Amino acid sequence: MNVLITTPYLPYPLNNGGLIRVHHLVINIAQVHSVTLVCMEPDNELQAAGIDVLESKGVTVELVPVAKNQLKSNKRIYQLLSLFTNRTYQYYQYYSEAMQKRINDLCNKSTFEIILAEFSQMGYYELPDNAKKYVDQHNVEYEIMQRTFETERSPLRKLLAKSEWRKYNKHEIENCEKFDTCLTTSQRDADILSARLTSATNFHVIPNGVDSEFFRPIEQPQNPDLILFTGTISYYPNVEGILWFTKNVWPLIKQKNPSSQFCIAGKSPPSEIQALSSDPSITVTGAVDDMRDYYAKAAVVVVPLRVGGGTRLKILEAMAMEKAIVSTGVGAEGIEYTPNQNILIEDDAEAFANATIRVMKDTTLRNTLQSQGRRLVEELYDWKAVTGKLCKIFEDDSKMGS
């Protein structure tokens, strides 16, 4: 079948959860079907290198010029504009006439049996009626905006988050209703959205995954005092989680285990996160060449998130690397974990600190969490298995429509 995939950004390099998910879905679908990917032009050489990577996997890449409203330099202008119109900043960030024209041209030139839109914001585009249309809902976006509003302290950011949440609360549902099928990363997200949709949209859970061949255990001594957090650090849920951890949990850990070290590894740490490195026991790396090196050294990976949606790729990567994990309930949402068997879940600061120290001190517990986490990933979350499930849905829907 011919498959058209629309996504705002070229899915490369693989340095945030959204790009990782899109990249692996695209290249694995392309092993079974003919795939055309349409997205905005890359804005740097590292991202542009992804064109060759995707094309080497059989993907046809169609690039669209970045519109004025999508330029990073104009972000504040359009955020301000969104406060005084009925449009969200999400609209200005994702929609362009050039993208709509390219989609129209591609659909007029070729017949696509399947159209897959990555992210609900791509629902702002009009799509033809002669194809099965799917939206890949990475998160319940309006829920993230609501949680951001509820936890944000900056008055201006709080105002923007409130505006986005209230408007996109409606827009996200309207966008999803344009599609025949909504794909979510968890049953929880599917339940939330399906309860609000009035259309006959179908739902399927396509979980996040991990390349379990790339992320695999490395024979290297662990540092029993090293605690690791990974991700795109500028992402608001990560910032909020790190600040909560360092303010409320870290002092308790240091009090009981003074030799503890905390490493925050990931690109684009904002100033308030960089400032944490003034504490000699906290390291803020910025972008790293290979996150596996950091996973390998750590005794425990923490996911102290209190805002978010979907499922956390950082947990799946850590499990694949056979790392013990301590997470909040929000941090582990959407993953079919078993508490105390393949992960520890705590929401209270003191309980989170005690669980982290237990993992650092109890090698038997740590070994159990490590081995059982890897087993869970191999059984449910390898990208090839995840994409195989999606392609089966495509094929079954095609048979029903024929």
Protein backbone atom coordinates (compact mmCIF):
# COMPACT_ATOMS: atom_id res chain seq x y z
CA MET A 1 0.00 0.00 0.00
CA ASN A 2 0.98 3.62 -0.53
CA VAL A 3 1.29 5.45 2.79
CA LEU A 4 1.55 9.23 3.23
CA ILE A 5 2.94 10.36 6.59
CA THR A 6 2.65 14.02 7.60
CA THR A 7 4.79 15.31 10.41
CA PRO A 8 5.95 18.82 11.36
CA TYR A 9 9.65 18.00 11.62
CA LEU A 10 12.09 15.68 9.90
CA PRO A 11 12.40 12.84 12.45
CA TYR A 12 16.12 13.14 13.01
CA PRO A 13 18.40 13.27 15.00
CA LEU A 14 16.94 10.92 17.58
CA ASN A 15 17.26 13.26 20.54
CA ASN A 16 13.70 13.61 21.80
CA GLY A 17 10.78 11.28 22.32
CA GLY A 18 8.61 12.58 19.50
CA LEU A 19 11.36 12.32 16.89
CA ILE A 20 12.33 8.85 18.08
CA ARG A 21 8.77 7.54 17.82
CA VAL A 22 8.15 9.01 14.37
CA HIS A 23 11.54 7.86 13.05
CA HIS A 24 11.11 4.23 14.06
CA LEU A 25 7.50 4.02 12.92
CA VAL A 26 8.42 5.52 9.54
CA ILE A 27 11.43 3.32 8.78
CA ASN A 28 9.69 0.15 9.93
CA ILE A 29 6.47 0.87 8.00
CA ALA A 30 8.70 1.45 4.95
CA GLN A 31 9.91 -2.15 5.20
CA VAL A 32 6.36 -3.28 4.41
CA HIS A 33 4.69 -0.47 2.46
CA SER A 34 5.65 2.40 0.12
CA VAL A 35 6.11 5.46 2.34
CA THR A 36 6.15 9.17 1.45
CA LEU A 37 7.02 11.52 4.32
CA VAL A 38 6.16 15.22 4.11
CA CYS A 39 7.58 17.68 6.66
CA MET A 40 9.19 21.08 7.08
CA GLU A 41 12.72 21.66 5.82
CA PRO A 42 15.45 20.93 8.40
CA ASP A 43 17.01 24.00 10.01
CA ASN A 44 20.50 22.63 10.64
CA GLU A 45 23.04 20.22 9.13
CA LEU A 46 22.59 17.58 11.83
CA GLN A 47 18.88 17.36 11.14
CA ALA A 48 19.44 17.45 7.38
CA ALA A 49 21.60 14.33 7.68
CA GLY A 50 18.39 12.49 8.44
CA ILE A 51 17.26 12.84 4.82
CA ASP A 52 19.88 10.34 3.67
CA VAL A 53 19.13 8.08 6.65
CA LEU A 54 15.43 7.94 5.80
CA GLU A 55 15.95 7.56 2.07
CA SER A 56 18.39 4.70 2.69
CA LYS A 57 15.46 2.92 4.37
CA GLY A 58 13.24 3.38 1.33
CA VAL A 59 11.36 6.49 2.48
CA THR A 60 10.52 9.23 -0.05
CA VAL A 61 11.08 12.56 1.70
CA GLU A 62 9.14 15.68 0.65
CA LEU A 63 10.35 18.93 2.25
CA VAL A 64 8.29 22.12 2.71
CA PRO A 65 9.77 25.60 3.39
CA VAL A 66 9.34 26.88 6.93
CA ALA A 67 6.61 29.55 7.13
CA LYS A 68 7.05 32.92 8.82
CA ASN A 69 4.80 31.89 11.70
CA GLN A 70 6.89 28.73 12.26
CA LEU A 71 10.26 30.44 12.61
CA LYS A 72 11.77 30.08 16.07
CA SER A 73 12.76 33.76 15.95
CA ASN A 74 9.06 34.69 15.74
CA LYS A 75 7.90 32.43 18.57
CA ARG A 76 7.17 35.23 21.07
CA ILE A 77 5.25 37.25 18.49
CA TYR A 78 2.87 34.42 17.70
CA GLN A 79 2.54 33.38 21.33
CA LEU A 80 1.40 36.93 22.06
CA LEU A 81 -0.89 36.94 19.03
CA SER A 82 -2.50 33.71 20.20
CA LEU A 83 -3.61 35.44 23.40
CA PHE A 84 -5.81 37.82 21.41
CA THR A 85 -7.29 35.44 18.83
CA ASN A 86 -9.27 32.19 18.94
CA ARG A 87 -6.28 30.38 17.47
CA THR A 88 -3.78 28.57 19.64
CA TYR A 89 -0.04 29.01 19.39
CA GLN A 90 -0.12 25.34 18.35
CA TYR A 91 -1.87 26.43 15.15
CA TYR A 92 0.73 29.05 14.32
CA GLN A 93 3.55 26.64 15.15
CA TYR A 94 2.28 23.75 13.01
CA TYR A 95 0.13 25.11 10.19
CA SER A 96 1.35 26.58 6.91
CA GLU A 97 -0.26 27.12 3.53
CA ALA A 98 2.85 25.66 1.88
CA MET A 99 2.38 22.38 3.77
CA GLN A 100 -1.30 22.24 2.84
CA LYS A 101 -0.46 22.84 -0.82
CA ARG A 102 2.20 20.11 -0.81
CA ILE A 103 -0.21 17.63 0.76
CA ASN A 104 -2.83 18.53 -1.87
CA ASP A 105 -0.31 18.17 -4.71
CA LEU A 106 0.91 14.78 -3.48
CA CYS A 107 -2.63 13.45 -3.07
CA ASN A 108 -3.63 14.71 -6.54
CA LYS A 109 -0.59 13.10 -8.12
CA SER A 110 -0.73 9.74 -6.29
CA THR A 111 -3.30 7.55 -4.61
CA PHE A 112 -2.58 6.90 -0.95
CA GLU A 113 -4.51 4.13 0.72
CA ILE A 114 -3.24 5.24 4.14
CA ILE A 115 -2.56 8.74 5.52
CA LEU A 116 -0.88 8.90 8.93
CA ALA A 117 -0.65 12.28 10.68
CA GLU A 118 1.95 12.45 13.42
CA PHE A 119 0.74 14.60 16.35
CA SER A 120 -2.80 15.89 16.77
CA GLN A 121 -1.68 19.38 15.68
CA MET A 122 -1.35 18.01 12.14
CA GLY A 123 -5.12 17.67 12.26
CA TYR A 124 -5.28 21.35 11.32
CA TYR A 125 -4.64 20.21 7.73
CA GLU A 126 -7.37 19.13 5.33
CA LEU A 127 -6.91 15.60 3.96
CA PRO A 128 -8.68 13.76 1.09
CA ASP A 129 -11.61 11.46 1.78
CA ASN A 130 -10.43 8.59 -0.44
CA ALA A 131 -7.86 7.30 2.05
CA LYS A 132 -7.99 5.73 5.51
CA LYS A 133 -6.86 8.51 7.83
CA TYR A 134 -4.98 7.91 11.10
CA VAL A 135 -3.68 10.36 13.69
CA ASP A 136 -0.85 9.28 15.97
CA GLN A 137 -1.67 10.95 19.27
CA HIS A 138 1.66 11.01 21.10
CA ASN A 139 0.07 12.51 24.22
CA VAL A 140 -3.20 13.98 25.37
CA GLU A 141 -1.83 17.42 24.60
CA TYR A 142 -4.46 19.51 26.33
CA GLU A 143 -3.85 17.54 29.53
CA ILE A 144 -0.15 18.44 29.43
CA MET A 145 -1.13 22.09 28.91
CA GLN A 146 -3.49 21.91 31.88
CA ARG A 147 -0.83 20.35 34.11
CA THR A 148 1.65 22.96 32.92
CA PHE A 149 -0.78 25.73 33.86
CA GLU A 150 -1.39 24.20 37.29
CA THR A 151 2.31 23.85 38.16
CA GLU A 152 3.83 26.90 36.41
CA ARG A 153 4.96 29.74 38.67
CA SER A 154 5.97 32.40 36.15
CA PRO A 155 2.92 34.67 35.66
CA LEU A 156 3.51 35.12 31.92
CA ARG A 157 4.12 31.42 31.26
CA LYS A 158 1.09 30.58 33.40
CA LEU A 159 -1.06 32.95 31.31
CA LEU A 160 0.17 31.38 28.05
CA ALA A 161 -0.36 27.85 29.39
CA LYS A 162 -3.91 28.72 30.48
CA SER A 163 -4.73 30.19 27.08
CA GLU A 164 -3.32 27.19 25.21
CA TRP A 165 -5.04 24.69 27.51
CA ARG A 166 -8.48 26.28 27.24
CA LYS A 167 -8.36 26.60 23.45
CA TYR A 168 -6.61 23.36 22.60
CA ASN A 169 -8.94 21.53 24.96
CA LYS A 170 -11.48 21.99 22.16
CA HIS A 171 -9.16 21.98 19.14
CA GLU A 172 -7.52 18.67 19.98
CA ILE A 173 -10.86 16.88 20.00
CA GLU A 174 -11.95 18.60 16.76
CA ASN A 175 -8.68 17.59 15.11
CA CYS A 176 -8.99 13.95 16.21
CA GLU A 177 -12.54 13.76 14.89
CA LYS A 178 -11.26 14.40 11.36
CA PHE A 179 -9.63 10.94 11.33
CA ASP A 180 -11.01 7.43 10.94
CA THR A 181 -8.67 6.09 13.59
CA CYS A 182 -6.82 7.59 16.54
CA LEU A 183 -3.63 5.86 17.68
CA THR A 184 -2.56 6.43 21.28
CA THR A 185 0.50 5.35 23.21
CA SER A 186 -1.53 4.05 26.15
CA GLN A 187 -5.00 2.75 27.00
CA ARG A 188 -5.34 5.59 29.48
CA ASP A 189 -4.95 8.19 26.71
CA ALA A 190 -7.39 6.26 24.51
CA ASP A 191 -9.99 6.24 27.31
CA ILE A 192 -9.63 9.98 27.93
CA LEU A 193 -10.01 10.93 24.26
CA SER A 194 -12.69 8.41 23.30
CA ALA A 195 -14.90 9.65 26.14
CA ARG A 196 -14.94 13.12 24.57
CA LEU A 197 -15.16 12.37 20.85
CA THR A 198 -18.61 12.44 19.29
CA SER A 199 -17.56 10.88 15.97
CA ALA A 200 -17.21 7.19 15.15
CA THR A 201 -13.42 7.38 15.38
CA ASN A 202 -11.73 4.06 16.14
CA PHE A 203 -8.98 3.75 18.74
CA HIS A 204 -5.92 1.51 18.85
CA VAL A 205 -3.08 1.54 21.36
CA ILE A 206 0.32 1.63 19.66
CA PRO A 207 2.78 1.98 22.54
CA ASN A 208 6.09 3.72 22.42
CA GLY A 209 8.99 1.39 21.81
CA VAL A 210 12.72 1.05 21.95
CA ASP A 211 15.43 -0.32 19.69
CA SER A 212 16.39 -3.17 22.01
CA GLU A 213 19.38 -4.10 19.85
CA PHE A 214 20.85 -0.59 20.16
CA PHE A 215 19.92 -0.11 23.81
CA ARG A 216 21.23 -3.23 25.45
CA PRO A 217 23.28 -3.91 28.60
CA ILE A 218 26.93 -2.87 28.49
CA GLU A 219 29.50 -4.81 30.47
CA GLN A 220 30.84 -1.91 32.51
CA PRO A 221 31.10 -1.33 36.27
CA GLN A 222 28.25 0.71 37.73
CA ASN A 223 28.85 3.61 40.07
CA PRO A 224 26.64 2.64 43.06
CA ASP A 225 26.29 6.31 44.03
CA LEU A 226 25.26 7.62 40.61
CA ILE A 227 21.66 8.66 39.91
CA LEU A 228 20.72 9.57 36.33
CA PHE A 229 18.00 11.63 34.66
CA THR A 230 17.84 11.76 30.85
CA GLY A 231 15.79 13.55 28.21
CA THR A 232 15.37 16.81 26.33
CA ILE A 233 15.93 18.98 29.36
CA SER A 234 14.24 22.10 27.96
CA TYR A 235 10.91 20.19 27.74
CA TYR A 236 8.74 21.72 30.45
CA PRO A 237 7.69 18.46 32.18
CA ASN A 238 11.38 17.55 32.48
CA VAL A 239 12.32 20.98 33.88
CA GLU A 240 9.50 20.89 36.42
CA GLY A 241 10.34 17.33 37.45
CA ILE A 242 14.06 18.02 37.89
CA LEU A 243 13.39 21.13 39.96
CA TRP A 244 10.93 19.24 42.17
CA PHE A 245 13.46 16.42 42.62
CA THR A 246 16.42 18.65 43.44
CA LYS A 247 14.40 20.76 45.88
CA ASN A 248 12.42 18.06 47.68
CA VAL A 249 14.09 14.69 47.10
CA TRP A 250 17.79 15.33 46.58
CA PRO A 251 18.45 16.81 50.07
CA LEU A 252 16.90 13.71 51.64
CA ILE A 253 19.08 11.41 49.52
CA LYS A 254 22.23 13.39 50.36
CA GLN A 255 21.38 13.33 54.05
CA LYS A 256 21.19 9.53 54.11
CA ASN A 257 23.88 8.84 51.49
CA PRO A 258 26.30 11.82 51.33
CA SER A 259 28.37 10.30 48.51
CA SER A 260 25.41 10.35 46.09
CA GLN A 261 25.85 12.01 42.69
CA PHE A 262 23.11 13.23 40.37
CA CYS A 263 23.67 13.48 36.60
CA ILE A 264 21.23 15.37 34.38
CA ALA A 265 22.03 14.26 30.81
CA GLY A 266 20.33 15.72 27.77
CA LYS A 267 20.22 18.59 25.34
CA SER A 268 19.16 22.21 25.88
CA PRO A 269 19.18 22.58 29.66
CA PRO A 270 17.67 26.00 30.50
CA SER A 271 19.44 28.41 32.86
CA GLU A 272 17.59 27.25 35.97
CA ILE A 273 18.78 23.68 35.33
CA GLN A 274 22.34 24.72 34.48
CA ALA A 275 22.46 26.62 37.76
CA LEU A 276 22.03 23.33 39.64
CA SER A 277 25.61 22.38 38.72
CA SER A 278 26.84 24.89 41.31
CA ASP A 279 26.31 21.93 43.66
CA PRO A 280 29.47 19.79 43.21
CA SER A 281 27.38 16.62 43.49
CA ILE A 282 25.16 17.56 40.51
CA THR A 283 26.35 17.36 36.89
CA VAL A 284 24.49 18.95 33.98
CA THR A 285 25.95 17.60 30.73
CA GLY A 286 24.01 19.29 27.94
CA ALA A 287 23.77 17.30 24.70
CA VAL A 288 25.68 14.01 24.74
CA ASP A 289 27.03 11.91 21.87
CA ASP A 290 25.75 8.57 23.17
CA MET A 291 23.34 8.29 26.09
CA ARG A 292 24.19 4.59 26.49
CA ASP A 293 27.48 5.55 28.14
CA TYR A 294 25.56 7.41 30.85
CA TYR A 295 23.02 4.66 31.36
CA ALA A 296 25.80 2.11 31.72
CA LYS A 297 27.46 3.93 34.63
CA ALA A 298 24.33 4.71 36.64
CA ALA A 299 23.03 2.63 39.53
CA VAL A 300 19.52 4.04 39.24
CA VAL A 301 17.53 6.10 36.74
CA VAL A 302 14.96 8.51 38.19
CA VAL A 303 11.84 9.79 36.42
CA PRO A 304 10.38 12.33 38.89
CA LEU A 305 7.82 13.76 36.48
CA ARG A 306 4.59 15.34 37.70
CA VAL A 307 3.45 16.73 34.35
CA GLY A 308 3.13 14.78 31.12
CA GLY A 309 1.17 12.33 29.04
CA GLY A 310 1.70 9.38 26.72
CA THR A 311 4.57 7.12 27.69
CA ARG A 312 8.17 7.96 28.55
CA LEU A 313 10.77 6.65 26.12
CA LYS A 314 13.42 7.31 28.76
CA ILE A 315 11.92 4.49 30.86
CA LEU A 316 11.93 2.04 27.97
CA GLU A 317 15.53 2.92 27.07
CA ALA A 318 16.62 2.49 30.69
CA MET A 319 14.84 -0.85 30.95
CA ALA A 320 16.45 -2.02 27.70
CA MET A 321 19.85 -1.09 29.17
CA GLU A 322 18.98 -3.12 32.30
CA LYS A 323 18.79 -0.11 34.57
CA ALA A 324 16.80 0.03 37.80
CA ILE A 325 14.19 2.82 37.73
CA VAL A 326 12.37 4.90 40.33
CA SER A 327 9.49 6.92 38.90
CA THR A 328 6.42 8.84 39.89
CA GLY A 329 3.07 7.49 38.76
CA VAL A 330 2.81 10.22 36.12
CA GLY A 331 6.31 9.44 34.90
CA ALA A 332 5.42 5.80 34.23
CA GLU A 333 1.93 6.37 32.82
CA GLY A 334 1.11 4.17 29.85
CA ILE A 335 3.70 1.46 30.53
CA GLU A 336 2.47 -2.00 31.56
CA TYR A 337 4.79 -2.22 34.53
CA THR A 338 4.55 -4.29 37.69
CA PRO A 339 5.48 -2.25 40.79
CA ASN A 340 8.40 -3.62 42.80
CA GLN A 341 9.13 -6.16 40.05
CA ASN A 342 10.41 -4.09 37.10
CA ILE A 343 10.13 -0.54 38.50
CA LEU A 344 9.56 1.32 41.79
CA ILE A 345 6.73 3.89 41.86
CA GLU A 346 6.59 6.67 44.45
CA ASP A 347 4.93 10.10 44.38
CA ASP A 348 5.82 11.43 47.83
CA ALA A 349 9.22 13.13 48.08
CA GLU A 350 10.40 11.18 51.12
CA ALA A 351 9.18 7.86 49.72
CA PHE A 352 10.87 8.65 46.38
CA ALA A 353 14.16 9.36 48.19
CA ASN A 354 13.93 6.18 50.26
CA ALA A 355 13.17 4.07 47.17
CA THR A 356 16.16 5.54 45.33
CA ILE A 357 18.48 4.80 48.24
CA ARG A 358 17.09 1.24 48.50
CA VAL A 359 18.02 0.60 44.88
CA MET A 360 21.50 2.04 45.40
CA LYS A 361 22.16 -0.06 48.50
CA ASP A 362 20.29 -3.32 47.78
CA THR A 363 22.04 -5.15 44.94
CA THR A 364 19.48 -7.97 44.97
CA LEU A 365 16.62 -5.52 44.45
CA ARG A 366 18.61 -3.68 41.80
CA ASN A 367 19.40 -6.87 39.90
CA THR A 368 15.73 -7.92 39.95
CA LEU A 369 14.51 -4.58 38.62
CA GLN A 370 17.19 -4.63 35.93
CA SER A 371 16.51 -8.12 34.58
CA GLN A 372 12.72 -7.86 34.78
CA GLY A 373 12.74 -4.46 33.07
CA ARG A 374 14.71 -5.85 30.15
CA ARG A 375 12.30 -8.78 29.87
CA LEU A 376 9.31 -6.41 29.73
CA VAL A 377 10.90 -4.41 26.90
CA GLU A 378 11.74 -7.50 24.87
CA GLU A 379 8.20 -8.86 25.18
CA LEU A 380 6.13 -5.71 24.57
CA TYR A 381 8.12 -2.69 23.50
CA ASP A 382 10.63 -3.45 20.75
CA TRP A 383 9.96 -1.09 17.80
CA LYS A 384 9.70 -3.92 15.27
CA ALA A 385 6.92 -5.55 17.29
CA VAL A 386 5.19 -2.21 17.84
CA THR A 387 5.23 -1.33 14.14
CA GLY A 388 4.14 -4.85 13.20
CA LYS A 389 1.00 -4.27 15.25
CA LEU A 390 0.34 -0.99 13.41
CA CYS A 391 0.83 -2.52 9.96
CA LYS A 392 -1.60 -5.30 10.89
CA ILE A 393 -4.18 -2.60 11.70
CA PHE A 394 -3.54 -0.97 8.31
CA GLU A 395 -4.04 -4.27 6.52
CA ASP A 396 -7.17 -5.26 8.45
CA ASP A 397 -8.75 -1.84 7.86
CA SER A 398 -7.92 -2.06 4.15
CA LYS A 399 -9.65 -5.44 3.87
CA MET A 400 -12.73 -4.09 5.64
CA GLY A 401 -12.88 -1.13 3.28
CA SER A 402 -12.48 -3.17 0.10
